[in-house]
C-alpha atoms as a PDB file:
ATOM      1  CA  UNK A   1    -117.355 204.554 225.509  1.00  0.00           C
ATOM      2  CA  UNK A   2    -116.470 207.691 227.375  1.00  0.00           C
ATOM      3  CA  UNK A   3    -117.040 208.656 230.728  1.00  0.00           C
ATOM      4  CA  UNK A   4    -116.049 211.662 233.318  1.00  0.00           C
ATOM      5  CA  UNK A   5    -115.072 209.126 236.016  1.00  0.00           C
ATOM      6  CA  UNK A   6    -114.281 205.202 236.386  1.00  0.00           C
ATOM      7  CA  UNK A   7    -117.487 204.771 238.588  1.00  0.00           C
ATOM      8  CA  UNK A   8    -119.815 205.750 235.506  1.00  0.00           C
ATOM      9  CA  UNK A   9    -117.919 203.795 233.063  1.00  0.00           C
ATOM     10  CA  UNK A  10    -118.246 200.794 234.959  1.00  0.00           C
ATOM     11  CA  UNK A  11    -121.882 201.176 235.456  1.00  0.00           C
ATOM     12  CA  UNK A  12    -122.272 201.978 231.500  1.00  0.00           C
ATOM     13  CA  UNK A  13    -120.095 199.039 230.567  1.00  0.00           C
ATOM     14  CA  UNK A  14    -122.000 196.883 233.070  1.00  0.00           C
ATOM     15  CA  UNK A  15    -125.199 197.927 231.390  1.00  0.00           C
ATOM     16  CA  UNK A  16    -124.126 197.162 227.836  1.00  0.00           C
ATOM     17  CA  UNK A  17    -122.798 194.201 228.155  1.00  0.00           C
ATOM     18  CA  UNK A  18    -124.349 190.803 227.155  1.00  0.00           C
ATOM     19  CA  UNK A  19    -123.675 187.330 227.852  1.00  0.00           C
ATOM     20  CA  UNK A  20    -121.156 186.115 225.647  1.00  0.00           C
ATOM     21  CA  UNK A  21    -119.569 189.780 225.548  1.00  0.00           C
ATOM     22  CA  UNK A  22    -115.897 190.209 226.028  1.00  0.00           C
ATOM     23  CA  UNK A  23    -114.477 193.315 227.615  1.00  0.00           C
ATOM     24  CA  UNK A  24    -111.097 194.983 227.412  1.00  0.00           C
ATOM     25  CA  UNK A  25    -109.424 197.173 229.388  1.00  0.00           C
ATOM     26  CA  UNK A  26    -106.247 199.093 228.125  1.00  0.00           C
ATOM     27  CA  UNK A  27    -104.558 201.558 229.756  1.00  0.00           C
ATOM     28  CA  UNK A  28    -101.067 202.650 231.571  1.00  0.00           C
ATOM     29  CA  UNK A  29    -101.606 201.917 235.244  1.00  0.00           C
ATOM     30  CA  UNK A  30    -104.646 200.756 237.513  1.00  0.00           C
ATOM     31  CA  UNK A  31    -106.995 203.121 235.693  1.00  0.00           C
ATOM     32  CA  UNK A  32    -108.478 203.931 238.989  1.00  0.00           C
ATOM     33  CA  UNK A  33    -109.113 200.432 240.056  1.00  0.00           C
ATOM     34  CA  UNK A  34    -111.304 199.745 236.990  1.00  0.00           C
ATOM     35  CA  UNK A  35    -110.374 195.913 236.619  1.00  0.00           C
ATOM     36  CA  UNK A  36    -111.504 195.093 240.095  1.00  0.00           C
ATOM     37  CA  UNK A  37    -114.677 197.284 240.000  1.00  0.00           C
ATOM     38  CA  UNK A  38    -116.007 196.094 236.472  1.00  0.00           C
ATOM     39  CA  UNK A  39    -115.598 192.330 237.589  1.00  0.00           C
ATOM     40  CA  UNK A  40    -117.047 193.162 240.943  1.00  0.00           C
ATOM     41  CA  UNK A  41    -120.225 194.903 239.284  1.00  0.00           C
ATOM     42  CA  UNK A  42    -120.631 192.024 236.557  1.00  0.00           C
ATOM     43  CA  UNK A  43    -120.522 189.332 239.205  1.00  0.00           C
ATOM     44  CA  UNK A  44    -123.329 191.098 241.286  1.00  0.00           C
ATOM     45  CA  UNK A  45    -125.459 191.111 237.940  1.00  0.00           C
END
């Protein structure tokens, strides 16, 4: 997935994720807080 910002990337990933999927975030640093944002968005589903 490619996006212009972290919030769009999180929204797209959460929309595409299905039960049983595994998501992998790789990068150098905090990546704009994507880990916490992704976990919070997935928990709200």
